[in-house]
Protein backbone atom coordinates (compact mmCIF):
# COMPACT_ATOMS: atom_id res chain seq x y z
CA MET A 1 0.00 0.00 0.00
CA VAL A 2 2.04 2.94 -1.19
CA ARG A 3 1.27 6.55 -0.47
CA PRO A 4 1.48 9.85 -2.47
CA LEU A 5 3.83 12.78 -1.97
CA PRO A 6 2.27 15.85 -0.40
CA GLY A 7 0.95 18.46 -2.74
CA ASP A 8 -0.17 16.18 -5.54
CA PRO A 9 -3.72 16.94 -6.75
CA THR A 10 -4.48 13.24 -7.09
CA CYS A 11 -3.12 12.08 -3.79
CA ALA A 12 -6.29 11.88 -1.76
CA TYR A 13 -8.14 9.03 -3.38
CA GLY A 14 -7.31 5.35 -3.65
CA ASP A 15 -4.68 4.24 -6.12
CA SER A 16 -5.01 7.50 -7.99
CA ALA A 17 -2.66 8.97 -5.42
CA ARG A 18 0.85 9.96 -6.31
CA PRO A 19 3.62 7.35 -6.49
CA PHE A 20 4.17 7.48 -2.79
CA ASP A 21 0.63 7.28 -1.51
CA HIS A 22 1.42 4.21 0.56
CA VAL A 23 4.28 5.77 2.45
CA GLN A 24 2.74 6.89 5.66
CA HIS A 25 3.69 8.29 8.99
CA SER A 26 3.29 5.56 11.53
CA SER A 27 1.76 5.91 14.93
CA GLU A 28 2.30 2.21 15.04
CA ARG A 29 -0.39 0.76 17.11
CA VAL A 30 0.53 -1.91 19.54
CA PRO A 31 -1.68 -4.99 19.41
CA ALA A 32 -5.08 -4.33 20.93
CA LYS A 33 -4.98 -4.27 24.72
CA GLU A 34 -5.41 -7.56 26.45
CA VAL A 35 -7.01 -8.16 29.81
CA ASN A 36 -4.31 -9.00 32.32
CA HIS A 37 -4.64 -12.01 34.53
CA VAL A 38 -5.69 -11.00 38.04
CA SER A 39 -4.34 -13.10 40.85
CA ALA A 40 -6.82 -14.30 43.40
CA ASP A 41 -4.08 -14.73 45.98
CA ALA A 42 -3.60 -11.08 46.90
CA PRO A 43 -0.94 -10.59 49.60
CA GLY A 44 -1.98 -9.07 52.96
CA LEU A 45 -1.69 -9.32 56.71
CA ARG A 46 -4.06 -12.24 56.96
CA ASN A 47 -2.18 -14.64 54.73
CA THR A 48 -1.67 -17.56 57.13
CA LEU A 49 -4.04 -19.70 59.12
CA ILE A 50 -2.63 -18.61 62.51
CA GLN A 51 -2.84 -14.93 61.59
CA ASP A 52 -6.38 -15.45 60.40
CA ILE A 53 -7.34 -16.98 63.71
CA PHE A 54 -5.83 -14.24 65.86
CA TRP A 55 -7.36 -11.44 63.81
CA THR A 56 -10.87 -12.61 64.76
CA ARG A 57 -13.01 -12.63 67.90
CA THR A 58 -12.04 -16.28 68.38
CA GLY A 59 -8.45 -15.17 68.81
CA LEU A 60 -9.53 -12.54 71.33
CA LEU A 61 -11.43 -15.18 73.32
CA LEU A 62 -8.38 -17.47 73.35
CA ALA A 63 -6.24 -14.60 74.57
CA ILE A 64 -8.68 -13.88 77.43
CA LEU A 65 -8.69 -17.55 78.47
CA LEU A 66 -4.92 -17.62 78.53
CA LEU A 67 -4.77 -14.43 80.59
CA VAL A 68 -7.34 -15.80 83.07
CA SER A 69 -5.41 -19.05 83.33
CA ALA A 70 -2.10 -17.28 83.90
CA ALA A 71 -3.64 -14.96 86.48
CA SER A 72 -5.22 -17.93 88.31
CA PHE A 73 -1.91 -19.78 88.48
CA GLY A 74 -0.25 -16.64 89.74
CA VAL A 75 -2.83 -16.10 92.47
CA ALA A 76 -2.73 -19.79 93.42
CA SER A 77 1.04 -19.61 93.88
CA VAL A 78 0.64 -16.74 96.33
CA LEU A 79 -2.15 -18.33 98.35
CA GLY A 80 -1.43 -20.99 100.89
CA GLY A 81 -3.12 -24.36 101.08
CA GLY A 82 -6.84 -24.54 101.54
CA ALA A 83 -10.10 -24.51 99.66
CA LEU A 84 -9.45 -21.10 98.04
CA HIS A 85 -6.09 -22.26 96.71
CA THR A 86 -7.67 -25.40 95.32
CA PHE A 87 -10.49 -23.42 93.72
CA VAL A 88 -8.21 -20.87 92.08
CA LEU A 89 -5.89 -23.60 90.85
CA SER A 90 -8.85 -25.49 89.40
CA VAL A 91 -10.07 -22.37 87.62
CA GLY A 92 -6.61 -21.81 86.09
CA THR A 93 -6.27 -25.46 85.05
CA GLY A 94 -9.77 -25.58 83.55
CA THR A 95 -9.26 -22.31 81.74
CA LEU A 96 -5.95 -23.51 80.32
CA ILE A 97 -7.49 -26.78 79.13
CA SER A 98 -10.40 -24.88 77.55
CA ALA A 99 -7.96 -22.58 75.77
CA VAL A 100 -5.92 -25.50 74.41
CA VAL A 101 -9.03 -27.42 73.31
CA SER A 102 -10.61 -24.33 71.76
CA PHE A 103 -7.39 -23.46 69.94
CA SER A 104 -7.09 -26.98 68.51
CA GLN A 105 -10.75 -27.03 67.53
CA THR A 106 -10.42 -23.62 65.87
CA ILE A 107 -7.43 -24.75 63.84
CA VAL A 108 -9.23 -27.87 62.67
CA THR A 109 -12.43 -25.97 61.88
CA ALA A 110 -10.60 -23.15 60.08
CA SER A 111 -8.57 -25.60 58.03
CA ALA A 112 -11.70 -27.49 57.03
CA SER A 113 -13.50 -24.27 56.16
CA GLN A 114 -10.53 -23.17 54.09
CA ARG A 115 -10.60 -26.37 52.10
CA ALA A 116 -14.38 -26.50 51.80
CA LEU A 117 -15.18 -22.84 51.07
CA VAL A 118 -12.29 -20.50 50.42
CA THR A 119 -10.07 -22.67 48.19
CA PRO A 120 -12.86 -23.65 45.74
CA LEU A 121 -13.96 -20.01 45.60
CA VAL A 122 -10.42 -18.85 44.82
CA GLU A 123 -9.99 -21.50 42.13
CA GLU A 124 -13.35 -20.68 40.58
CA SER A 125 -12.51 -16.97 40.55
CA ARG A 126 -9.15 -17.71 38.93
CA ARG A 127 -10.78 -19.83 36.24
CA ALA A 128 -13.39 -17.14 35.57
CA LEU A 129 -10.71 -14.46 35.20
CA GLN A 130 -8.67 -16.66 32.88
CA GLU A 131 -11.71 -17.36 30.71
CA LEU A 132 -12.52 -13.65 30.61
CA SER A 133 -8.94 -12.84 29.61
CA ALA A 134 -9.02 -15.48 26.87
CA GLU A 135 -12.33 -14.10 25.57
CA TYR A 136 -10.98 -10.55 25.42
CA ARG A 137 -7.84 -11.73 23.63
CA ALA A 138 -9.98 -13.56 21.08
CA LEU A 139 -12.12 -10.46 20.55
CA ASN A 140 -9.01 -8.31 20.13
CA GLN A 141 -7.63 -10.66 17.50
CA GLU A 142 -10.94 -10.87 15.65
CA TYR A 143 -12.09 -7.24 15.63
CA TYR A 144 -9.11 -4.99 16.42
CA PRO A 145 -6.21 -4.12 14.08
CA THR A 146 -2.72 -5.23 14.94
CA HIS A 147 -1.29 -1.95 13.63
CA MET A 148 -2.76 1.47 12.95
CA PHE A 149 -1.13 4.29 10.99
CA GLU A 150 -2.72 7.70 11.54
CA PRO A 151 -3.19 10.23 8.71
CA THR A 152 -0.10 12.33 8.17
CA THR A 153 1.64 14.55 5.65
CA GLU A 154 5.03 12.92 6.16
CA PRO A 155 6.04 9.45 4.92
CA ASP A 156 7.11 6.75 7.35
CA PRO A 157 9.35 3.97 5.96
CA THR A 158 8.26 1.68 8.81
CA PHE A 159 4.88 1.40 7.12
CA ASN A 160 6.35 0.10 3.87
CA ARG A 161 8.93 -2.15 5.53
CA LEU A 162 6.20 -3.89 7.51
CA MET A 163 4.05 -4.35 4.41
CA MET A 164 7.01 -5.61 2.38
CA ALA A 165 7.68 -8.16 5.12
CA ASP A 166 4.10 -9.42 4.78
CA LEU A 167 4.54 -9.57 1.01
CA HIS A 168 7.78 -11.51 1.35
CA HIS A 169 6.06 -14.24 3.40
CA THR A 170 2.96 -14.61 1.25
CA ARG A 171 2.19 -16.78 -1.76
CA GLU A 172 -0.95 -15.01 -2.97
CA TYR A 173 -1.13 -11.23 -3.29
CA LEU A 174 -4.56 -9.65 -3.66
CA PHE A 175 -4.68 -5.96 -4.60
CA ARG A 176 -7.59 -3.57 -5.04
CA GLY A 177 -6.78 -0.04 -6.09
CA PHE A 178 -7.21 2.43 -8.90
CA SER A 179 -4.35 1.60 -11.28
CA GLY A 180 -2.17 -1.15 -9.76
CA ARG A 181 1.06 0.87 -10.08
CA HIS A 182 1.99 0.29 -6.48
CA ALA A 183 1.37 -3.44 -6.61
CA ALA A 184 3.69 -3.71 -9.62
CA ALA A 185 6.34 -1.58 -7.90
CA ARG A 186 6.27 -3.78 -4.80
CA LEU A 187 6.62 -6.92 -6.87
CA LEU A 188 9.66 -5.57 -8.70
CA LEU A 189 11.26 -4.48 -5.41
CA SER A 190 11.04 -8.01 -3.99
CA ARG A 191 12.80 -11.29 -4.55
CA ALA A 192 10.07 -13.90 -4.63
CA GLU A 193 7.28 -15.29 -6.79
CA TRP A 194 3.56 -14.83 -6.24
CA GLU A 195 0.15 -15.26 -7.72
CA LEU A 196 -1.28 -11.76 -8.12
CA ARG A 197 -4.92 -10.84 -8.42
CA ALA A 198 -5.58 -7.16 -9.06
CA VAL A 199 -8.86 -5.26 -9.19
CA VAL A 200 -8.45 -1.88 -10.89
CA ALA A 201 -10.66 0.80 -12.41
CA ASP A 202 -12.05 0.29 -15.89
CA PRO A 203 -10.56 3.05 -18.10
CA ARG A 204 -13.41 2.65 -20.59
CA SER A 205 -15.99 3.51 -17.91
CA THR A 206 -16.89 7.17 -17.70
CA ASN A 207 -18.24 6.69 -14.18
CA ALA A 208 -14.99 5.12 -12.93
CA ILE A 209 -12.88 8.07 -14.08
CA SER A 210 -15.31 10.93 -13.48
CA GLY A 211 -16.31 9.62 -10.07
CA ARG A 212 -12.68 9.48 -8.99
CA ALA A 213 -11.98 12.91 -10.43
CA ARG A 214 -14.93 14.46 -8.57
CA TYR A 215 -13.75 12.85 -5.37
CA LEU A 216 -10.30 14.38 -5.82
CA LEU A 217 -11.85 17.79 -6.46
CA ARG A 218 -13.86 17.52 -3.24
CA GLN A 219 -10.71 16.64 -1.35
CA GLN A 220 -8.38 19.21 -2.91
CA GLY A 221 -10.76 22.10 -3.48
CA SER A 222 -11.73 24.05 -6.56
CA ASP A 223 -8.24 25.21 -7.53
CA PHE A 224 -7.60 22.14 -9.71
CA ASP A 225 -8.71 21.61 -13.27
CA TYR A 226 -11.20 18.77 -13.71
CA THR A 227 -10.03 17.91 -17.24
CA ALA A 228 -6.39 17.79 -16.16
CA ILE A 229 -7.25 15.44 -13.34
CA GLU A 230 -9.12 13.14 -15.72
CA ARG A 231 -6.13 13.03 -18.04
CA ARG A 232 -3.85 12.20 -15.13
CA LEU A 233 -6.12 9.39 -13.98
CA HIS A 234 -6.14 7.83 -17.46
CA GLU A 235 -2.35 8.10 -17.52
CA GLU A 236 -2.08 6.36 -14.15
CA ILE A 237 -4.13 3.41 -15.35
CA ARG A 238 -2.01 3.08 -18.49
CA VAL A 239 1.23 3.25 -16.49
CA GLY A 240 -0.14 0.74 -13.99
CA LEU A 241 -1.00 -1.79 -16.70
CA VAL A 242 2.49 -1.50 -18.17
CA GLY A 243 3.96 -1.90 -14.68
CA LEU A 244 2.04 -5.14 -14.19
CA TYR A 245 3.35 -6.35 -17.55
CA LEU A 246 6.93 -5.56 -16.49
CA ALA A 247 6.39 -7.43 -13.21
CA ARG A 248 5.07 -10.58 -14.90
CA SER A 249 8.34 -12.45 -14.31
CA ARG A 250 7.79 -12.16 -10.53
CA CYS A 251 4.41 -13.91 -10.69
CA SER A 252 3.25 -17.31 -11.76
CA ARG A 253 0.14 -15.53 -13.05
CA ILE A 254 -1.40 -12.05 -12.94
CA ASP A 255 -5.20 -11.90 -13.06
CA ILE A 256 -6.58 -8.43 -13.73
CA THR A 257 -10.23 -7.52 -13.12
CA VAL A 258 -11.44 -4.11 -14.26
CA VAL A 259 -14.53 -2.66 -12.59
CA ALA A 260 -16.65 0.36 -13.43
CA ASP A 261 -17.26 1.32 -9.77
CA PRO A 262 -13.90 1.13 -7.95
CA GLN A 263 -14.09 1.60 -4.20
CA PRO A 264 -12.17 4.53 -2.72
CA ASP A 265 -10.32 2.50 -0.07
CA ARG A 266 -7.24 0.61 -1.17
CA LEU A 267 -7.06 -3.04 -0.13
CA GLU A 268 -4.04 -5.33 -0.04
CA ILE A 269 -4.42 -8.90 1.20
CA PHE A 270 -1.58 -11.26 2.06
CA ASP A 271 -1.59 -14.77 3.50
CA SER A 272 -1.22 -13.48 7.06
CA SER A 273 -2.77 -9.99 6.99
CA VAL A 274 -4.99 -7.46 5.27
CA TRP A 275 -4.16 -3.76 4.87
CA ILE A 276 -6.91 -1.17 4.38
CA ALA A 277 -6.07 2.43 3.46
CA LEU A 278 -9.09 4.52 4.42
CA PHE A 279 -9.10 7.18 1.71
CA SER A 280 -12.84 7.49 2.31
CA ALA A 281 -12.43 8.32 6.03
CA ALA A 282 -13.65 11.78 7.03
CA SER A 283 -10.89 12.33 9.59
CA GLY A 284 -7.60 13.28 7.97
CA ALA A 285 -9.20 13.30 4.53
CA THR A 286 -6.93 16.10 3.31
CA ALA A 287 -3.74 14.30 4.35
CA PRO A 288 -1.88 12.63 1.49
CA TYR A 289 -1.23 9.60 3.68
CA PRO A 290 -4.60 8.39 5.00
CA LYS A 291 -5.35 6.32 8.04
CA THR A 292 -4.38 2.70 7.40
CA LEU A 293 -5.24 -0.42 9.39
CA ARG A 294 -3.63 -3.84 9.42
CA PHE A 295 -5.66 -6.87 10.53
CA SER A 296 -4.34 -10.37 11.11
CA GLU A 297 -5.39 -13.49 9.26
CA GLY A 298 -7.75 -14.72 11.99
CA SER A 299 -9.71 -11.47 12.19
CA PHE A 300 -13.28 -10.89 11.07
CA LEU A 301 -12.18 -8.12 8.70
CA TYR A 302 -9.68 -10.41 6.98
CA ALA A 303 -12.31 -13.05 6.22
CA MET A 304 -14.89 -10.45 5.12
CA GLU A 305 -12.56 -8.47 2.83
CA ARG A 306 -11.09 -11.60 1.28
CA ALA A 307 -14.53 -13.05 0.56
CA GLU A 308 -15.70 -9.77 -1.01
CA PHE A 309 -12.52 -9.48 -3.09
CA LEU A 310 -12.85 -13.02 -4.47
CA HIS A 311 -16.51 -12.35 -5.22
CA VAL A 312 -15.52 -9.41 -7.43
CA CYS A 313 -12.76 -11.44 -9.10
CA ASN A 314 -15.22 -14.20 -9.96
CA SER A 315 -18.04 -11.89 -11.03
CA ARG A 316 -19.44 -12.52 -14.50
CA THR A 317 -20.28 -8.86 -14.99
CA ALA A 318 -16.67 -7.70 -14.63
CA HIS A 319 -14.00 -7.93 -17.34
CA HIS A 320 -11.16 -10.35 -16.62
CA PHE A 321 -7.71 -10.50 -18.22
CA ALA A 322 -4.53 -12.46 -17.54
CA ILE A 323 -0.79 -11.85 -17.90
CA THR A 324 1.69 -14.71 -17.56
CA PRO A 325 5.50 -14.81 -17.67
CA ASP A 326 5.18 -16.06 -21.27
CA THR A 327 3.06 -13.10 -22.43
CA SER A 328 4.92 -11.57 -25.36
CA ARG A 329 5.21 -7.91 -26.19
CA ALA A 330 2.80 -8.25 -29.11
CA GLU A 331 0.28 -10.13 -26.96
CA PHE A 332 0.41 -7.41 -24.32
CA LEU A 333 -0.14 -4.68 -26.90
CA THR A 334 -3.32 -6.50 -27.95
CA LEU A 335 -4.35 -7.00 -24.31
CA PHE A 336 -3.70 -3.32 -23.56
CA GLY A 337 -6.04 -2.31 -26.38
CA LYS A 338 -8.79 -4.61 -25.05
CA ILE A 339 -8.53 -3.17 -21.53
CA THR A 340 -8.23 0.52 -22.36
CA GLY A 341 -10.11 0.61 -25.65
CA THR A 342 -7.21 2.44 -27.32
CA PRO A 343 -4.36 0.87 -29.31
CA LEU A 344 -0.77 1.00 -28.06
CA THR A 345 2.30 1.11 -30.28
CA ASP A 346 5.80 -0.15 -29.50
CA ALA A 347 6.96 3.43 -29.01
CA GLY A 348 4.02 4.13 -26.70
CA LEU A 349 4.84 1.03 -24.66
CA ASP A 350 8.45 2.15 -24.27
CA ALA A 351 7.31 5.62 -23.15
CA LEU A 352 4.90 4.20 -20.55
CA ALA A 353 7.56 1.75 -19.34
CA GLU A 354 9.95 4.65 -18.79
CA LYS A 355 7.32 6.54 -16.81
CA PHE A 356 6.73 3.50 -14.65
CA ARG A 357 10.46 3.08 -13.96
CA GLU A 358 10.61 6.71 -12.86
CA PHE A 359 7.65 6.08 -10.56
CA GLN A 360 9.25 2.93 -9.17
CA GLN A 361 12.55 4.67 -8.49
CA ALA A 362 10.87 7.61 -6.77
CA PHE A 363 8.74 5.25 -4.70
CA SER A 364 11.70 3.13 -3.59
CA ILE A 365 13.58 6.25 -2.47
CA VAL A 366 10.80 7.87 -0.50
CA ALA A 367 9.80 4.52 1.06
CA GLU A 368 13.46 3.70 1.76
CA LEU A 369 13.10 0.41 -0.12
CA ARG A 370 15.80 -0.94 -2.38
CA SER A 371 15.46 -3.54 -5.09
């Protein structure tokens, strides 16, 4: 997904943007926030059985019994023999026995209560929190982007390096844009082989060109000439087709689908991710580098966009063409005439090829990518 240079009158809409319209300032979004595991064993003062006992009224009662027993033994040692001495000694002995028995019973009861009530509750709470964390992680993966690049007027090479890494590890490259120039440039800047499917605007459709031109005028204002923009859009499509022809050696097959109603947002799908450049977003609409989202393979957006893309590629109402590594120069000239509705000479092909190489070189410099 390549982004335009600032100041270009065609930089605000889909693949009609300037050569660098995929280079984008990155406010690289960390993966969507996950719910942290919460421990049910929070530390505190009452973290042992003995401490738990003595921080309750049972502990206070045991302390009173011990004090009464100690006081009784002390008084009995002062008194001489007799009934009072025997009585006080009996009180102290009985109180001490009661304290020992009560303490033992409390320990046994507390331990049993811990095993019967507290421990299952703690385990159940831990399981519930783990399940909640797993559910939130699954939702994050399914509905939230792994990376987000905010609209900006300055290019960010990190954006293109990350996308080129996804391209390097994919086998099938699906592209939806206005002209396909950027898809061809990426292929020629890589060292691999893919199967490319591209959906681009139909140059023979008045609605495809005029609709894109009106969109650009709304984005850029009334200072730009409508006719000049239309001519530039036609030129971009022609350069993009020639670029795909030049990149045929990097693909086992290039399937091209031309549509009369191209969507404004650029879409690039790899085996492990989908990239969506929101040229249609209201926020940051005047920035040459629009807001772009990256979703992982397991996300809802990945499945939805891929299904919609394949539906368009297999549509009977659209026009489908193919370029293979064996497509000759003469065969491409014939194919070019079928797609654009205008013939192309050998000299015209050389001129368009030179324009594409200039675009590719400028793109590789601004994106800090080298072939």
